């Protein structure tokens, strides 16, 4: 059964492919400009999602660096033999570690606990850093985020006495 079009040509036998029937045809009036409207509506959503991803990445990076600084502080303190020098070495190591990592803290506290400063004991360090989240307010982040890292390091059993 042959189907003939208006001028006698066969309908559906065009070898140019299925899209050839749409060449030169106009979209129905209701669909004009719908792609532009979809892009305009979706673009802000994509931007907010990218800002959220950037904020979460910033927070994860800051947390990792603060935990690393606490670890460095506890390790540096465990190597010192006098409690006063241990605290100072721990604070200095934490500040140096965060400075080298490029983390800028608007407020930073380092506390080194040397109450068990004896061979076989342990030293703990707590580093708290308040970092800026500027530029991510559109994604719902607060302007600052406080991150805390804690590390505990054992003191060697064979460490000599303060000399």
N, C-alpha and C. Protein backbone atom coordinates (compact mmCIF):
# COMPACT_ATOMS: atom_id res chain seq x y z
N UNK A 1 0.83 -1.15 0.00
CA UNK A 1 0.00 0.00 0.00
C UNK A 1 0.89 1.23 0.00
N UNK A 2 0.80 2.00 -1.05
CA UNK A 2 1.63 3.20 -1.18
C UNK A 2 0.87 4.41 -0.67
N UNK A 3 1.60 5.20 0.10
CA UNK A 3 0.99 6.45 0.56
C UNK A 3 1.57 7.57 -0.28
N UNK A 4 0.71 8.37 -0.80
CA UNK A 4 1.17 9.48 -1.64
C UNK A 4 0.86 10.79 -0.96
N UNK A 5 1.80 11.70 -1.09
CA UNK A 5 1.64 13.02 -0.51
C UNK A 5 0.82 13.91 -1.41
N UNK A 6 0.87 15.18 -1.18
CA UNK A 6 0.09 16.15 -1.91
C UNK A 6 0.39 16.17 -3.40
N UNK A 7 1.64 16.10 -3.74
CA UNK A 7 2.02 16.24 -5.15
C UNK A 7 2.39 14.91 -5.77
N UNK A 8 2.02 13.83 -5.15
CA UNK A 8 2.27 12.53 -5.73
C UNK A 8 3.56 11.89 -5.27
N UNK A 9 4.36 12.55 -4.47
CA UNK A 9 5.60 11.95 -3.98
C UNK A 9 5.27 11.00 -2.84
N UNK A 10 6.08 10.03 -2.70
CA UNK A 10 5.87 9.06 -1.62
C UNK A 10 6.23 9.70 -0.28
N UNK A 11 5.42 9.52 0.69
CA UNK A 11 5.64 10.06 2.03
C UNK A 11 6.42 9.03 2.84
N UNK A 12 7.45 9.49 3.57
CA UNK A 12 8.21 8.62 4.45
C UNK A 12 9.30 7.84 3.75
N UNK A 13 9.61 8.15 2.50
CA UNK A 13 10.66 7.42 1.80
C UNK A 13 11.87 8.30 1.55
N UNK A 14 11.94 9.43 2.22
CA UNK A 14 13.08 10.33 2.05
C UNK A 14 14.29 9.67 2.70
N UNK A 15 15.38 9.56 1.97
CA UNK A 15 16.58 8.90 2.46
C UNK A 15 17.49 9.83 3.25
N UNK A 16 17.06 11.04 3.51
CA UNK A 16 17.88 11.99 4.26
C UNK A 16 17.79 11.75 5.77
N UNK A 17 16.96 10.88 6.23
CA UNK A 17 16.87 10.58 7.65
C UNK A 17 15.57 11.10 8.24
N UNK A 18 15.32 10.73 9.49
CA UNK A 18 14.04 11.11 10.10
C UNK A 18 13.91 12.61 10.36
N UNK A 19 15.02 13.32 10.50
CA UNK A 19 14.94 14.75 10.78
C UNK A 19 14.65 15.57 9.53
N UNK A 20 14.73 14.94 8.37
CA UNK A 20 14.53 15.69 7.13
C UNK A 20 13.12 16.24 7.03
N UNK A 21 12.18 15.62 7.68
CA UNK A 21 10.82 16.10 7.64
C UNK A 21 10.63 17.39 8.42
N UNK A 22 11.58 17.73 9.31
CA UNK A 22 11.47 18.93 10.14
C UNK A 22 12.18 20.12 9.53
N UNK A 23 12.95 19.90 8.49
CA UNK A 23 13.69 21.01 7.89
C UNK A 23 12.70 22.02 7.33
N UNK A 24 12.85 23.25 7.76
CA UNK A 24 12.00 24.31 7.26
C UNK A 24 10.68 24.44 8.01
N UNK A 25 10.38 23.51 8.88
CA UNK A 25 9.14 23.60 9.65
C UNK A 25 9.35 24.46 10.87
N UNK A 26 8.34 25.12 11.30
CA UNK A 26 8.39 25.94 12.50
C UNK A 26 7.84 25.17 13.68
N UNK A 27 8.34 25.53 14.85
CA UNK A 27 7.81 24.94 16.07
C UNK A 27 6.42 25.51 16.32
N UNK A 28 5.62 24.78 17.05
CA UNK A 28 4.32 25.34 17.41
C UNK A 28 4.50 26.62 18.20
N UNK A 29 3.59 27.53 18.11
CA UNK A 29 3.71 28.85 18.74
C UNK A 29 4.01 28.79 20.23
N UNK A 30 3.50 27.82 20.97
CA UNK A 30 3.69 27.73 22.41
C UNK A 30 5.10 27.34 22.82
N UNK A 31 5.92 26.79 21.92
CA UNK A 31 7.27 26.32 22.26
C UNK A 31 8.37 27.33 21.93
N UNK A 32 8.04 28.42 21.30
CA UNK A 32 9.06 29.40 20.93
C UNK A 32 9.67 30.03 22.17
N UNK A 33 11.00 30.06 22.25
CA UNK A 33 11.71 30.70 23.34
C UNK A 33 11.76 29.89 24.63
N UNK A 34 11.26 28.67 24.60
CA UNK A 34 11.24 27.87 25.82
C UNK A 34 12.64 27.46 26.25
N UNK A 35 13.55 27.25 25.33
CA UNK A 35 14.92 26.88 25.69
C UNK A 35 15.61 28.02 26.43
N UNK A 36 15.38 29.23 26.00
CA UNK A 36 15.99 30.39 26.66
C UNK A 36 15.45 30.52 28.08
N UNK A 37 14.17 30.31 28.24
CA UNK A 37 13.57 30.40 29.57
C UNK A 37 14.11 29.30 30.48
N UNK A 38 14.28 28.10 29.94
CA UNK A 38 14.83 27.00 30.74
C UNK A 38 16.26 27.32 31.18
N UNK A 39 17.07 27.86 30.31
CA UNK A 39 18.45 28.22 30.66
C UNK A 39 18.45 29.31 31.73
N UNK A 40 17.60 30.29 31.59
CA UNK A 40 17.53 31.38 32.56
C UNK A 40 17.10 30.86 33.93
N UNK A 41 16.21 29.89 33.96
CA UNK A 41 15.74 29.34 35.23
C UNK A 41 16.74 28.38 35.87
N UNK A 42 17.49 27.63 35.07
CA UNK A 42 18.40 26.61 35.59
C UNK A 42 19.76 27.20 35.97
N UNK A 43 20.20 28.26 35.32
CA UNK A 43 21.53 28.82 35.58
C UNK A 43 21.75 29.22 37.04
N UNK A 44 20.84 29.94 37.70
CA UNK A 44 21.08 30.26 39.11
C UNK A 44 21.19 29.02 40.00
N UNK A 45 20.42 28.00 39.69
CA UNK A 45 20.50 26.76 40.45
C UNK A 45 21.88 26.12 40.31
N UNK A 46 22.40 26.11 39.11
CA UNK A 46 23.73 25.55 38.87
C UNK A 46 24.80 26.37 39.60
N UNK A 47 24.67 27.68 39.59
CA UNK A 47 25.63 28.53 40.28
C UNK A 47 25.61 28.27 41.78
N UNK A 48 24.41 28.14 42.36
CA UNK A 48 24.31 27.87 43.80
C UNK A 48 24.91 26.49 44.12
N UNK A 49 24.68 25.50 43.29
CA UNK A 49 25.27 24.18 43.52
C UNK A 49 26.79 24.23 43.46
N UNK A 50 27.34 25.01 42.53
CA UNK A 50 28.79 25.16 42.45
C UNK A 50 29.34 25.87 43.69
N UNK A 51 28.63 26.87 44.19
CA UNK A 51 29.07 27.56 45.41
C UNK A 51 29.02 26.63 46.61
N UNK A 52 28.01 25.79 46.68
CA UNK A 52 27.93 24.81 47.78
C UNK A 52 29.11 23.85 47.71
N UNK A 53 29.42 23.37 46.51
CA UNK A 53 30.56 22.46 46.35
C UNK A 53 31.86 23.15 46.75
N UNK A 54 32.02 24.41 46.37
CA UNK A 54 33.23 25.15 46.74
C UNK A 54 33.31 25.34 48.25
N UNK A 55 32.19 25.65 48.89
CA UNK A 55 32.17 25.82 50.34
C UNK A 55 32.49 24.54 51.08
N UNK A 56 31.93 23.43 50.63
CA UNK A 56 32.22 22.15 51.27
C UNK A 56 33.69 21.77 51.07
N UNK A 57 34.23 22.07 49.91
CA UNK A 57 35.64 21.81 49.66
C UNK A 57 36.53 22.66 50.55
N UNK A 58 36.16 23.92 50.71
CA UNK A 58 36.92 24.81 51.60
C UNK A 58 36.90 24.31 53.04
N UNK A 59 35.73 23.87 53.49
CA UNK A 59 35.61 23.38 54.86
C UNK A 59 36.41 22.09 55.06
N UNK A 60 36.37 21.20 54.10
CA UNK A 60 37.13 19.95 54.21
C UNK A 60 38.63 20.23 54.23
N UNK A 61 39.07 21.15 53.38
CA UNK A 61 40.50 21.51 53.34
C UNK A 61 40.93 22.12 54.66
N UNK A 62 40.14 23.04 55.20
CA UNK A 62 40.49 23.69 56.47
C UNK A 62 40.52 22.66 57.59
N UNK A 63 39.56 21.77 57.61
CA UNK A 63 39.53 20.74 58.67
C UNK A 63 40.76 19.86 58.59
N UNK A 64 41.12 19.41 57.41
CA UNK A 64 42.30 18.56 57.25
C UNK A 64 43.57 19.28 57.69
N UNK A 65 43.68 20.55 57.35
CA UNK A 65 44.88 21.30 57.71
C UNK A 65 44.93 21.56 59.22
N UNK A 66 43.80 21.80 59.86
CA UNK A 66 43.79 22.05 61.30
C UNK A 66 44.11 20.76 62.05
N UNK A 67 43.60 19.63 61.61
CA UNK A 67 43.93 18.34 62.23
C UNK A 67 45.43 18.07 62.06
N UNK A 68 45.97 18.38 60.88
CA UNK A 68 47.41 18.22 60.64
C UNK A 68 48.23 19.13 61.54
N UNK A 69 47.76 20.34 61.77
CA UNK A 69 48.47 21.27 62.65
C UNK A 69 48.45 20.77 64.09
N UNK A 70 47.34 20.19 64.52
CA UNK A 70 47.25 19.62 65.87
C UNK A 70 48.23 18.45 66.00
N UNK A 71 48.30 17.64 64.97
CA UNK A 71 49.25 16.51 64.99
C UNK A 71 50.68 17.01 65.07
N UNK A 72 51.02 18.03 64.28
CA UNK A 72 52.36 18.60 64.33
C UNK A 72 52.67 19.21 65.69
N UNK A 73 51.67 19.87 66.29
CA UNK A 73 51.86 20.48 67.60
C UNK A 73 52.12 19.42 68.67
N UNK A 74 51.34 18.35 68.65
CA UNK A 74 51.52 17.29 69.63
C UNK A 74 52.87 16.60 69.45
N UNK A 75 53.26 16.38 68.22
CA UNK A 75 54.56 15.73 67.94
C UNK A 75 55.71 16.61 68.42
N UNK A 76 55.66 17.89 68.10
CA UNK A 76 56.72 18.81 68.52
C UNK A 76 56.79 18.90 70.04
N UNK A 77 55.65 18.92 70.70
CA UNK A 77 55.63 18.99 72.16
C UNK A 77 56.17 17.70 72.78
N UNK A 78 55.91 16.57 72.14
CA UNK A 78 56.37 15.29 72.70
C UNK A 78 57.88 15.15 72.64
N UNK A 79 58.52 15.90 71.77
CA UNK A 79 59.98 15.81 71.63
C UNK A 79 60.71 16.65 72.66
N UNK A 80 60.02 17.60 73.26
CA UNK A 80 60.65 18.46 74.27
C UNK A 80 60.60 17.78 75.64
N UNK A 81 61.59 18.10 76.48
CA UNK A 81 61.66 17.44 77.78
C UNK A 81 61.06 18.28 78.90
N UNK A 82 61.02 19.57 78.74
CA UNK A 82 60.45 20.44 79.77
C UNK A 82 59.04 20.86 79.37
N UNK A 83 58.09 20.83 80.29
CA UNK A 83 56.70 21.18 79.95
C UNK A 83 56.55 22.58 79.35
N UNK A 84 57.27 23.57 79.85
CA UNK A 84 57.16 24.93 79.31
C UNK A 84 57.63 24.99 77.86
N UNK A 85 58.75 24.35 77.60
CA UNK A 85 59.27 24.32 76.22
C UNK A 85 58.37 23.49 75.31
N UNK A 86 57.74 22.45 75.89
CA UNK A 86 56.85 21.60 75.10
C UNK A 86 55.64 22.39 74.61
N UNK A 87 55.06 23.19 75.50
CA UNK A 87 53.91 24.01 75.10
C UNK A 87 54.30 25.01 74.01
N UNK A 88 55.43 25.68 74.22
CA UNK A 88 55.88 26.68 73.24
C UNK A 88 56.19 26.03 71.89
N UNK A 89 56.84 24.86 71.91
CA UNK A 89 57.16 24.16 70.66
C UNK A 89 55.89 23.72 69.94
N UNK A 90 54.89 23.26 70.70
CA UNK A 90 53.63 22.84 70.10
C UNK A 90 52.89 23.99 69.45
N UNK A 91 52.82 25.12 70.14
CA UNK A 91 52.14 26.30 69.57
C UNK A 91 52.85 26.78 68.31
N UNK A 92 54.16 26.82 68.38
CA UNK A 92 54.93 27.28 67.22
C UNK A 92 54.75 26.33 66.04
N UNK A 93 54.76 25.02 66.29
CA UNK A 93 54.59 24.05 65.21
C UNK A 93 53.20 24.17 64.56
N UNK A 94 52.17 24.39 65.37
CA UNK A 94 50.81 24.52 64.82
C UNK A 94 50.69 25.76 63.94
N UNK A 95 51.22 26.88 64.41
CA UNK A 95 51.15 28.11 63.62
C UNK A 95 51.94 27.98 62.32
N UNK A 96 53.09 27.37 62.40
CA UNK A 96 53.92 27.17 61.21
C UNK A 96 53.21 26.25 60.21
N UNK A 97 52.60 25.18 60.72
CA UNK A 97 51.91 24.22 59.85
C UNK A 97 50.75 24.88 59.10
N UNK A 98 49.93 25.65 59.79
CA UNK A 98 48.81 26.32 59.13
C UNK A 98 49.29 27.41 58.18
N UNK A 99 50.36 28.11 58.55
CA UNK A 99 50.92 29.15 57.67
C UNK A 99 51.43 28.56 56.37
N UNK A 100 52.12 27.41 56.46
CA UNK A 100 52.65 26.77 55.25
C UNK A 100 51.53 26.19 54.37
N UNK A 101 50.44 25.81 55.00
CA UNK A 101 49.31 25.24 54.24
C UNK A 101 48.46 26.31 53.58
N UNK A 102 48.68 27.58 53.95
CA UNK A 102 47.91 28.66 53.35
C UNK A 102 46.54 28.87 53.98
N UNK A 103 46.33 28.32 55.17
CA UNK A 103 45.06 28.52 55.87
C UNK A 103 45.20 29.78 56.71
N UNK A 104 44.32 30.74 56.45
CA UNK A 104 44.36 31.97 57.24
C UNK A 104 43.26 31.94 58.29
N UNK A 105 43.68 32.02 59.53
CA UNK A 105 42.73 31.99 60.65
C UNK A 105 42.53 33.41 61.15
N UNK A 106 41.28 33.83 61.24
CA UNK A 106 41.01 35.14 61.83
C UNK A 106 41.20 35.07 63.34
N UNK A 107 40.97 33.90 63.92
CA UNK A 107 41.23 33.66 65.34
C UNK A 107 41.75 32.23 65.46
N UNK A 108 42.82 32.07 66.23
CA UNK A 108 43.40 30.74 66.37
C UNK A 108 43.84 30.52 67.81
N UNK A 109 43.51 29.36 68.36
CA UNK A 109 43.99 29.00 69.69
C UNK A 109 44.65 27.64 69.61
N UNK A 110 45.74 27.52 70.32
CA UNK A 110 46.47 26.25 70.40
C UNK A 110 46.64 25.94 71.88
N UNK A 111 46.16 24.79 72.29
CA UNK A 111 46.38 24.38 73.68
C UNK A 111 47.08 23.03 73.66
N UNK A 112 48.17 22.94 74.39
CA UNK A 112 48.96 21.73 74.47
C UNK A 112 48.89 21.22 75.90
N UNK A 113 48.42 19.99 76.07
CA UNK A 113 48.29 19.39 77.40
C UNK A 113 49.50 18.50 77.65
N UNK A 114 50.34 18.90 78.60
CA UNK A 114 51.54 18.13 78.93
C UNK A 114 51.42 17.58 80.36
N UNK A 115 50.21 17.35 80.82
CA UNK A 115 50.01 16.86 82.19
C UNK A 115 50.57 15.45 82.37
N UNK A 116 50.67 14.68 81.29
CA UNK A 116 51.25 13.34 81.38
C UNK A 116 52.63 13.33 80.73
N UNK A 117 53.40 14.38 80.95
CA UNK A 117 54.72 14.52 80.34
C UNK A 117 55.74 13.70 81.12
N UNK A 118 55.79 12.43 80.81
CA UNK A 118 56.74 11.51 81.41
C UNK A 118 56.95 10.38 80.40
N UNK A 119 58.04 9.66 80.49
CA UNK A 119 58.24 8.52 79.58
C UNK A 119 57.07 7.54 79.67
N UNK A 120 56.48 7.21 78.52
CA UNK A 120 55.31 6.34 78.45
C UNK A 120 53.99 7.09 78.55
N UNK A 121 54.03 8.39 78.83
CA UNK A 121 52.82 9.19 78.91
C UNK A 121 52.38 9.66 77.53
N UNK A 122 51.64 10.73 77.49
CA UNK A 122 51.19 11.26 76.20
C UNK A 122 51.04 12.77 76.26
N UNK A 123 51.10 13.36 75.09
CA UNK A 123 50.89 14.80 74.93
C UNK A 123 49.73 14.98 73.97
N UNK A 124 48.80 15.86 74.32
CA UNK A 124 47.69 16.14 73.41
C UNK A 124 47.70 17.61 73.03
N UNK A 125 47.22 17.87 71.83
CA UNK A 125 47.15 19.25 71.34
C UNK A 125 45.78 19.46 70.72
N UNK A 126 45.24 20.63 70.97
CA UNK A 126 43.95 21.04 70.40
C UNK A 126 44.17 22.37 69.68
N UNK A 127 43.85 22.39 68.40
CA UNK A 127 43.99 23.61 67.59
C UNK A 127 42.59 24.01 67.13
N UNK A 128 42.23 25.26 67.38
CA UNK A 128 40.95 25.80 66.94
C UNK A 128 41.22 26.99 66.04
N UNK A 129 40.63 26.96 64.85
CA UNK A 129 40.87 28.01 63.85
C UNK A 129 39.52 28.51 63.34
N UNK A 130 39.33 29.82 63.36
CA UNK A 130 38.15 30.42 62.76
C UNK A 130 38.58 30.99 61.42
N UNK A 131 38.03 30.45 60.35
CA UNK A 131 38.44 30.84 59.01
C UNK A 131 37.29 31.54 58.28
N UNK A 132 37.64 32.35 57.31
CA UNK A 132 36.65 33.13 56.57
C UNK A 132 36.03 32.30 55.46
N UNK A 133 34.74 32.43 55.30
CA UNK A 133 34.01 31.78 54.20
C UNK A 133 33.46 32.86 53.26
N UNK A 134 34.19 33.95 53.15
CA UNK A 134 33.75 35.08 52.32
C UNK A 134 33.51 34.63 50.88
N UNK A 135 32.49 35.19 50.29
CA UNK A 135 32.15 34.89 48.91
C UNK A 135 31.20 33.72 48.75
N UNK A 136 30.87 33.04 49.84
CA UNK A 136 30.00 31.88 49.74
C UNK A 136 28.66 32.10 50.44
N UNK A 137 28.33 33.35 50.72
CA UNK A 137 27.08 33.68 51.39
C UNK A 137 25.85 33.31 50.58
N UNK A 138 25.93 33.38 49.26
CA UNK A 138 24.78 33.02 48.42
C UNK A 138 24.39 31.56 48.57
N UNK A 139 25.37 30.73 48.93
CA UNK A 139 25.09 29.30 49.08
C UNK A 139 24.61 28.95 50.48
N UNK A 140 24.48 29.96 51.35
CA UNK A 140 23.96 29.72 52.68
C UNK A 140 25.00 29.52 53.75
N UNK A 141 26.27 29.73 53.44
CA UNK A 141 27.32 29.57 54.44
C UNK A 141 27.43 30.83 55.29
N UNK A 142 27.76 30.63 56.57
CA UNK A 142 27.98 31.77 57.45
C UNK A 142 29.32 32.41 57.06
N UNK A 143 29.55 33.67 57.41
CA UNK A 143 30.78 34.36 57.00
C UNK A 143 32.05 33.73 57.56
N UNK A 144 31.95 33.05 58.72
CA UNK A 144 33.12 32.39 59.30
C UNK A 144 32.75 30.98 59.73
N UNK A 145 33.75 30.14 59.79
CA UNK A 145 33.56 28.75 60.22
C UNK A 145 34.68 28.42 61.19
N UNK A 146 34.33 27.85 62.35
CA UNK A 146 35.32 27.45 63.34
C UNK A 146 35.56 25.96 63.22
N UNK A 147 36.83 25.60 63.07
CA UNK A 147 37.24 24.22 62.89
C UNK A 147 38.20 23.85 64.03
N UNK A 148 38.02 22.67 64.59
CA UNK A 148 38.87 22.22 65.69
C UNK A 148 39.50 20.88 65.34
N UNK A 149 40.79 20.75 65.65
CA UNK A 149 41.50 19.50 65.45
C UNK A 149 42.19 19.09 66.73
N UNK A 150 42.16 17.79 67.04
CA UNK A 150 42.77 17.27 68.25
C UNK A 150 43.69 16.12 67.87
N UNK A 151 44.86 16.08 68.51
CA UNK A 151 45.79 14.98 68.27
C UNK A 151 46.44 14.59 69.59
N UNK A 152 46.70 13.30 69.75
CA UNK A 152 47.37 12.77 70.94
C UNK A 152 48.57 11.97 70.45
N UNK A 153 49.74 12.24 71.05
CA UNK A 153 50.97 11.57 70.65
C UNK A 153 51.60 10.96 71.90
N UNK A 154 52.01 9.68 71.82
CA UNK A 154 52.67 9.08 72.99
C UNK A 154 54.10 9.60 73.14
N UNK A 155 54.56 9.62 74.37
CA UNK A 155 55.94 9.99 74.66
C UNK A 155 56.76 8.72 74.75
N UNK A 156 57.90 8.72 74.11
CA UNK A 156 58.74 7.52 74.09
C UNK A 156 59.10 7.06 75.49
N UNK A 157 59.11 5.77 75.68
CA UNK A 157 59.42 5.18 76.98
C UNK A 157 60.87 5.44 77.37
N UNK A 158 61.77 5.42 76.39
CA UNK A 158 63.20 5.52 76.67
C UNK A 158 63.71 6.94 76.59
N UNK A 159 62.81 7.93 76.65
CA UNK A 159 63.25 9.32 76.63
C UNK A 159 63.95 9.63 77.95
N UNK A 160 65.07 10.32 77.85
CA UNK A 160 65.84 10.64 79.05
C UNK A 160 65.19 11.75 79.85
N UNK A 161 65.68 11.95 81.04
CA UNK A 161 65.16 13.00 81.91
C UNK A 161 65.66 14.35 81.43
N UNK A 162 65.02 15.42 81.92
CA UNK A 162 65.41 16.79 81.56
C UNK A 162 66.85 17.04 81.97
N UNK A 163 67.62 17.49 81.03
CA UNK A 163 69.03 17.67 81.37
C UNK A 163 69.48 18.95 80.95
